[in-house]
């Protein structure tokens, strides 16, 4: 193995995990009625910042609703 060889067997699970996380964040962002900030911004963050983008959307961007008691 030379220095330029990429260990795809080790990287493949992380690549698959990233795509699953990014697609689920994108679908959730599109389906959400409201988000913390504009949707276009969150879509750019999801795909622009590798693993941090989708995770930050689920932590910061997804707007949660509280149920009101009657």
PDB file of N, CA and C in Angstrom:
ATOM      1  N   UNK A   1       0.851  -1.183   0.000  1.00  0.00           N
ATOM      2  CA  UNK A   1       0.000   0.000   0.000  1.00  0.00           C
ATOM      3  C   UNK A   1       0.892   1.241   0.000  1.00  0.00           C
ATOM      4  N   UNK A   2       0.632   2.136  -0.926  1.00  0.00           N
ATOM      5  CA  UNK A   2       1.408   3.371  -0.992  1.00  0.00           C
ATOM      6  C   UNK A   2       0.659   4.486  -0.264  1.00  0.00           C
ATOM      7  N   UNK A   3       1.309   5.624  -0.137  1.00  0.00           N
ATOM      8  CA  UNK A   3       0.698   6.751   0.569  1.00  0.00           C
ATOM      9  C   UNK A   3      -0.514   7.312  -0.156  1.00  0.00           C
ATOM     10  N   UNK A   4      -0.586   7.123  -1.453  1.00  0.00           N
ATOM     11  CA  UNK A   4      -1.701   7.679  -2.222  1.00  0.00           C
ATOM     12  C   UNK A   4      -2.909   6.754  -2.279  1.00  0.00           C
ATOM     13  N   UNK A   5      -2.770   5.524  -1.836  1.00  0.00           N
ATOM     14  CA  UNK A   5      -3.913   4.609  -1.818  1.00  0.00           C
ATOM     15  C   UNK A   5      -4.894   5.025  -0.728  1.00  0.00           C
ATOM     16  N   UNK A   6      -6.154   5.036  -1.084  1.00  0.00           N
ATOM     17  CA  UNK A   6      -7.198   5.414  -0.133  1.00  0.00           C
ATOM     18  C   UNK A   6      -7.858   4.140   0.386  1.00  0.00           C
ATOM     19  N   UNK A   7      -7.941   3.964   1.702  1.00  0.00           N
ATOM     20  CA  UNK A   7      -8.564   2.753   2.252  1.00  0.00           C
ATOM     21  C   UNK A   7     -10.096   2.836   2.167  1.00  0.00           C
ATOM     22  N   UNK A   8     -10.628   2.537   0.984  1.00  0.00           N
ATOM     23  CA  UNK A   8     -12.071   2.672   0.757  1.00  0.00           C
ATOM     24  C   UNK A   8     -12.881   1.766   1.674  1.00  0.00           C
ATOM     25  N   UNK A   9     -12.340   0.627   2.046  1.00  0.00           N
ATOM     26  CA  UNK A   9     -13.074  -0.284   2.928  1.00  0.00           C
ATOM     27  C   UNK A   9     -13.323   0.357   4.291  1.00  0.00           C
ATOM     28  N   UNK A  10     -12.417   1.200   4.731  1.00  0.00           N
ATOM     29  CA  UNK A  10     -12.597   1.884   6.011  1.00  0.00           C
ATOM     30  C   UNK A  10     -13.463   3.130   5.876  1.00  0.00           C
ATOM     31  N   UNK A  11     -13.399   3.791   4.726  1.00  0.00           N
ATOM     32  CA  UNK A  11     -14.147   5.032   4.527  1.00  0.00           C
ATOM     33  C   UNK A  11     -15.593   4.805   4.102  1.00  0.00           C
ATOM     34  N   UNK A  12     -15.884   3.687   3.483  1.00  0.00           N
ATOM     35  CA  UNK A  12     -17.223   3.429   2.944  1.00  0.00           C
ATOM     36  C   UNK A  12     -18.335   3.556   3.989  1.00  0.00           C
ATOM     37  N   UNK A  13     -18.197   2.988   5.194  1.00  0.00           N
ATOM     38  CA  UNK A  13     -19.287   3.148   6.178  1.00  0.00           C
ATOM     39  C   UNK A  13     -19.551   4.609   6.548  1.00  0.00           C
ATOM     40  N   UNK A  14     -18.505   5.417   6.624  1.00  0.00           N
ATOM     41  CA  UNK A  14     -18.686   6.830   6.956  1.00  0.00           C
ATOM     42  C   UNK A  14     -19.359   7.593   5.819  1.00  0.00           C
ATOM     43  N   UNK A  15     -19.025   7.240   4.591  1.00  0.00           N
ATOM     44  CA  UNK A  15     -19.649   7.883   3.434  1.00  0.00           C
ATOM     45  C   UNK A  15     -21.129   7.541   3.372  1.00  0.00           C
ATOM     46  N   UNK A  16     -21.461   6.275   3.586  1.00  0.00           N
ATOM     47  CA  UNK A  16     -22.866   5.847   3.584  1.00  0.00           C
ATOM     48  C   UNK A  16     -23.621   6.522   4.721  1.00  0.00           C
ATOM     49  N   UNK A  17     -23.014   6.578   5.904  1.00  0.00           N
ATOM     50  CA  UNK A  17     -23.649   7.234   7.049  1.00  0.00           C
ATOM     51  C   UNK A  17     -23.909   8.705   6.767  1.00  0.00           C
ATOM     52  N   UNK A  18     -22.952   9.383   6.139  1.00  0.00           N
ATOM     53  CA  UNK A  18     -23.135  10.793   5.807  1.00  0.00           C
ATOM     54  C   UNK A  18     -24.311  10.989   4.860  1.00  0.00           C
ATOM     55  N   UNK A  19     -24.393  10.177   3.807  1.00  0.00           N
ATOM     56  CA  UNK A  19     -25.483  10.340   2.845  1.00  0.00           C
ATOM     57  C   UNK A  19     -26.839  10.046   3.475  1.00  0.00           C
ATOM     58  N   UNK A  20     -26.923   9.041   4.330  1.00  0.00           N
ATOM     59  CA  UNK A  20     -28.184   8.747   5.021  1.00  0.00           C
ATOM     60  C   UNK A  20     -28.573   9.916   5.914  1.00  0.00           C
ATOM     61  N   UNK A  21     -27.622  10.436   6.667  1.00  0.00           N
ATOM     62  CA  UNK A  21     -27.878  11.560   7.562  1.00  0.00           C
ATOM     63  C   UNK A  21     -28.260  12.812   6.787  1.00  0.00           C
ATOM     64  N   UNK A  22     -27.559  13.102   5.699  1.00  0.00           N
ATOM     65  CA  UNK A  22     -27.837  14.298   4.903  1.00  0.00           C
ATOM     66  C   UNK A  22     -29.198  14.213   4.226  1.00  0.00           C
ATOM     67  N   UNK A  23     -29.537  13.065   3.664  1.00  0.00           N
ATOM     68  CA  UNK A  23     -30.830  12.915   2.992  1.00  0.00           C
ATOM     69  C   UNK A  23     -31.968  12.981   3.999  1.00  0.00           C
ATOM     70  N   UNK A  24     -31.811  12.359   5.170  1.00  0.00           N
ATOM     71  CA  UNK A  24     -32.876  12.430   6.173  1.00  0.00           C
ATOM     72  C   UNK A  24     -33.040  13.855   6.700  1.00  0.00           C
ATOM     73  N   UNK A  25     -31.953  14.600   6.855  1.00  0.00           N
ATOM     74  CA  UNK A  25     -32.055  15.999   7.279  1.00  0.00           C
ATOM     75  C   UNK A  25     -32.717  16.840   6.198  1.00  0.00           C
ATOM     76  N   UNK A  26     -32.385  16.592   4.934  1.00  0.00           N
ATOM     77  CA  UNK A  26     -32.992  17.331   3.829  1.00  0.00           C
ATOM     78  C   UNK A  26     -34.495  17.069   3.748  1.00  0.00           C
ATOM     79  N   UNK A  27     -34.897  15.816   3.828  1.00  0.00           N
ATOM     80  CA  UNK A  27     -36.321  15.467   3.772  1.00  0.00           C
ATOM     81  C   UNK A  27     -37.058  16.094   4.947  1.00  0.00           C
ATOM     82  N   UNK A  28     -36.471  16.021   6.134  1.00  0.00           N
ATOM     83  CA  UNK A  28     -37.101  16.612   7.309  1.00  0.00           C
ATOM     84  C   UNK A  28     -37.215  18.115   7.170  1.00  0.00           C
ATOM     85  N   UNK A  29     -36.189  18.764   6.651  1.00  0.00           N
ATOM     86  CA  UNK A  29     -36.198  20.215   6.470  1.00  0.00           C
ATOM     87  C   UNK A  29     -37.285  20.633   5.491  1.00  0.00           C
ATOM     88  N   UNK A  30     -37.431  19.897   4.407  1.00  0.00           N
ATOM     89  CA  UNK A  30     -38.441  20.235   3.405  1.00  0.00           C
ATOM     90  C   UNK A  30     -39.848  20.022   3.951  1.00  0.00           C
ATOM     91  N   UNK A  31     -40.049  18.967   4.742  1.00  0.00           N
ATOM     92  CA  UNK A  31     -41.377  18.659   5.270  1.00  0.00           C
ATOM     93  C   UNK A  31     -41.786  19.565   6.431  1.00  0.00           C
ATOM     94  N   UNK A  32     -40.815  20.105   7.170  1.00  0.00           N
ATOM     95  CA  UNK A  32     -41.126  20.974   8.305  1.00  0.00           C
ATOM     96  C   UNK A  32     -41.850  22.222   7.825  1.00  0.00           C
ATOM     97  N   UNK A  33     -42.889  22.603   8.565  1.00  0.00           N
ATOM     98  CA  UNK A  33     -43.598  23.831   8.225  1.00  0.00           C
ATOM     99  C   UNK A  33     -42.734  25.052   8.526  1.00  0.00           C
ATOM    100  N   UNK A  34     -42.102  25.044   9.695  1.00  0.00           N
ATOM    101  CA  UNK A  34     -41.251  26.163  10.107  1.00  0.00           C
ATOM    102  C   UNK A  34     -39.920  25.619  10.598  1.00  0.00           C
ATOM    103  N   UNK A  35     -38.864  26.377  10.333  1.00  0.00           N
ATOM    104  CA  UNK A  35     -37.538  26.044  10.843  1.00  0.00           C
ATOM    105  C   UNK A  35     -36.960  27.283  11.516  1.00  0.00           C
ATOM    106  N   UNK A  36     -35.913  27.096  12.278  1.00  0.00           N
ATOM    107  CA  UNK A  36     -35.221  28.229  12.894  1.00  0.00           C
ATOM    108  C   UNK A  36     -34.298  28.847  11.858  1.00  0.00           C
ATOM    109  N   UNK A  37     -34.845  29.697  11.026  1.00  0.00           N
ATOM    110  CA  UNK A  37     -34.094  30.310   9.936  1.00  0.00           C
ATOM    111  C   UNK A  37     -34.688  29.879   8.611  1.00  0.00           C
ATOM    112  N   UNK A  38     -34.234  30.500   7.529  1.00  0.00           N
ATOM    113  CA  UNK A  38     -34.769  30.148   6.211  1.00  0.00           C
ATOM    114  C   UNK A  38     -34.357  28.733   5.783  1.00  0.00           C
ATOM    115  N   UNK A  39     -35.258  28.067   5.088  1.00  0.00           N
ATOM    116  CA  UNK A  39     -34.988  26.692   4.656  1.00  0.00           C
ATOM    117  C   UNK A  39     -33.806  26.618   3.700  1.00  0.00           C
ATOM    118  N   UNK A  40     -33.678  27.603   2.803  1.00  0.00           N
ATOM    119  CA  UNK A  40     -32.574  27.565   1.848  1.00  0.00           C
ATOM    120  C   UNK A  40     -31.233  27.586   2.565  1.00  0.00           C
ATOM    121  N   UNK A  41     -31.166  28.315   3.695  1.00  0.00           N
ATOM    122  CA  UNK A  41     -29.926  28.380   4.461  1.00  0.00           C
ATOM    123  C   UNK A  41     -29.602  27.011   5.059  1.00  0.00           C
ATOM    124  N   UNK A  42     -30.620  26.336   5.602  1.00  0.00           N
ATOM    125  CA  UNK A  42     -30.387  25.031   6.205  1.00  0.00           C
ATOM    126  C   UNK A  42     -30.010  23.986   5.163  1.00  0.00           C
ATOM    127  N   UNK A  43     -30.575  24.087   3.966  1.00  0.00           N
ATOM    128  CA  UNK A  43     -30.205  23.148   2.907  1.00  0.00           C
ATOM    129  C   UNK A  43     -28.741  23.350   2.517  1.00  0.00           C
ATOM    130  N   UNK A  44     -28.300  24.606   2.439  1.00  0.00           N
ATOM    131  CA  UNK A  44     -26.883  24.872   2.153  1.00  0.00           C
ATOM    132  C   UNK A  44     -25.980  24.352   3.272  1.00  0.00           C
ATOM    133  N   UNK A  45     -26.407  24.518   4.515  1.00  0.00           N
ATOM    134  CA  UNK A  45     -25.616  24.035   5.652  1.00  0.00           C
ATOM    135  C   UNK A  45     -25.555  22.514   5.654  1.00  0.00           C
ATOM    136  N   UNK A  46     -26.690  21.861   5.387  1.00  0.00           N
ATOM    137  CA  UNK A  46     -26.743  20.394   5.401  1.00  0.00           C
ATOM    138  C   UNK A  46     -25.740  19.810   4.413  1.00  0.00           C
ATOM    139  N   UNK A  47     -25.684  20.364   3.196  1.00  0.00           N
ATOM    140  CA  UNK A  47     -24.790  19.801   2.186  1.00  0.00           C
ATOM    141  C   UNK A  47     -23.432  20.487   2.125  1.00  0.00           C
ATOM    142  N   UNK A  48     -23.304  21.658   2.702  1.00  0.00           N
ATOM    143  CA  UNK A  48     -22.050  22.388   2.627  1.00  0.00           C
ATOM    144  C   UNK A  48     -21.051  22.037   3.708  1.00  0.00           C
ATOM    145  N   UNK A  49     -21.528  21.590   4.847  1.00  0.00           N
ATOM    146  CA  UNK A  49     -20.639  21.282   5.970  1.00  0.00           C
ATOM    147  C   UNK A  49     -20.825  19.808   6.308  1.00  0.00           C
ATOM    148  N   UNK A  50     -19.929  18.968   5.841  1.00  0.00           N
ATOM    149  CA  UNK A  50     -20.093  17.517   5.891  1.00  0.00           C
ATOM    150  C   UNK A  50     -20.918  16.986   7.050  1.00  0.00           C
ATOM    151  N   UNK A  51     -20.349  16.317   8.020  1.00  0.00           N
ATOM    152  CA  UNK A  51     -21.149  15.706   9.080  1.00  0.00           C
ATOM    153  C   UNK A  51     -21.773  16.740  10.007  1.00  0.00           C
ATOM    154  N   UNK A  52     -21.153  17.875  10.149  1.00  0.00           N
ATOM    155  CA  UNK A  52     -21.635  18.897  11.076  1.00  0.00           C
ATOM    156  C   UNK A  52     -22.944  19.524  10.593  1.00  0.00           C
ATOM    157  N   UNK A  53     -23.119  19.659   9.292  1.00  0.00           N
ATOM    158  CA  UNK A  53     -24.318  20.292   8.734  1.00  0.00           C
ATOM    159  C   UNK A  53     -25.614  19.595   9.104  1.00  0.00           C
ATOM    160  N   UNK A  54     -25.764  18.301   8.772  1.00  0.00           N
ATOM    161  CA  UNK A  54     -27.001  17.610   9.130  1.00  0.00           C
ATOM    162  C   UNK A  54     -27.234  17.538  10.639  1.00  0.00           C
ATOM    163  N   UNK A  55     -26.174  17.307  11.392  1.00  0.00           N
ATOM    164  CA  UNK A  55     -26.319  17.224  12.851  1.00  0.00           C
ATOM    165  C   UNK A  55     -26.747  18.571  13.418  1.00  0.00           C
ATOM    166  N   UNK A  56     -26.159  19.659  12.930  1.00  0.00           N
ATOM    167  CA  UNK A  56     -26.545  20.983  13.431  1.00  0.00           C
ATOM    168  C   UNK A  56     -27.979  21.317  13.049  1.00  0.00           C
ATOM    169  N   UNK A  57     -28.457  20.826  11.897  1.00  0.00           N
ATOM    170  CA  UNK A  57     -29.864  21.056  11.547  1.00  0.00           C
ATOM    171  C   UNK A  57     -30.770  20.382  12.568  1.00  0.00           C
ATOM    172  N   UNK A  58     -30.494  19.115  12.896  1.00  0.00           N
ATOM    173  CA  UNK A  58     -31.354  18.403  13.834  1.00  0.00           C
ATOM    174  C   UNK A  58     -31.289  19.010  15.235  1.00  0.00           C
ATOM    175  N   UNK A  59     -30.158  19.604  15.610  1.00  0.00           N
ATOM    176  CA  UNK A  59     -30.030  20.191  16.946  1.00  0.00           C
ATOM    177  C   UNK A  59     -30.559  21.625  16.988  1.00  0.00           C
ATOM    178  N   UNK A  60     -30.208  22.449  15.999  1.00  0.00           N
ATOM    179  CA  UNK A  60     -30.531  23.875  16.038  1.00  0.00           C
ATOM    180  C   UNK A  60     -31.676  24.250  15.108  1.00  0.00           C
ATOM    181  N   UNK A  61     -31.666  23.728  13.902  1.00  0.00           N
ATOM    182  CA  UNK A  61     -32.589  24.202  12.873  1.00  0.00           C
ATOM    183  C   UNK A  61     -34.001  23.689  12.973  1.00  0.00           C
ATOM    184  N   UNK A  62     -34.167  22.473  13.452  1.00  0.00           N
ATOM    185  CA  UNK A  62     -35.493  21.879  13.513  1.00  0.00           C
ATOM    186  C   UNK A  62     -36.295  22.551  14.618  1.00  0.00           C
ATOM    187  N   UNK A  63     -37.415  23.102  14.247  1.00  0.00           N
ATOM    188  CA  UNK A  63     -38.248  23.803  15.214  1.00  0.00           C
ATOM    189  C   UNK A  63     -39.157  22.784  15.892  1.00  0.00           C
ATOM    190  N   UNK A  64     -39.139  22.776  17.205  1.00  0.00           N
ATOM    191  CA  UNK A  64     -39.992  21.850  17.947  1.00  0.00           C
ATOM    192  C   UNK A  64     -41.207  22.592  18.472  1.00  0.00           C
ATOM    193  N   UNK A  65     -42.281  21.884  18.523  1.00  0.00           N
ATOM    194  CA  UNK A  65     -43.526  22.470  18.995  1.00  0.00           C
ATOM    195  C   UNK A  65     -43.886  21.863  20.341  1.00  0.00           C
ATOM    196  N   UNK A  66     -44.337  22.726  21.242  1.00  0.00           N
ATOM    197  CA  UNK A  66     -44.798  22.244  22.533  1.00  0.00           C
ATOM    198  C   UNK A  66     -46.298  22.046  22.463  1.00  0.00           C
ATOM    199  N   UNK A  67     -46.754  20.976  23.071  1.00  0.00           N
ATOM    200  CA  UNK A  67     -48.193  20.754  23.114  1.00  0.00           C
ATOM    201  C   UNK A  67     -48.783  21.594  24.232  1.00  0.00           C
ATOM    202  N   UNK A  68     -49.888  22.203  23.930  1.00  0.00           N
ATOM    203  CA  UNK A  68     -50.564  23.009  24.948  1.00  0.00           C
ATOM    204  C   UNK A  68     -51.641  22.175  25.612  1.00  0.00           C
ATOM    205  N   UNK A  69     -51.718  22.309  26.897  1.00  0.00           N
ATOM    206  CA  UNK A  69     -52.778  21.612  27.631  1.00  0.00           C
ATOM    207  C   UNK A  69     -54.023  22.464  27.631  1.00  0.00           C
ATOM    208  N   UNK A  70     -55.145  21.821  27.461  1.00  0.00           N
ATOM    209  CA  UNK A  70     -56.417  22.549  27.423  1.00  0.00           C
ATOM    210  C   UNK A  70     -57.083  22.465  28.762  1.00  0.00           C
TER     211      UNK A  70
END
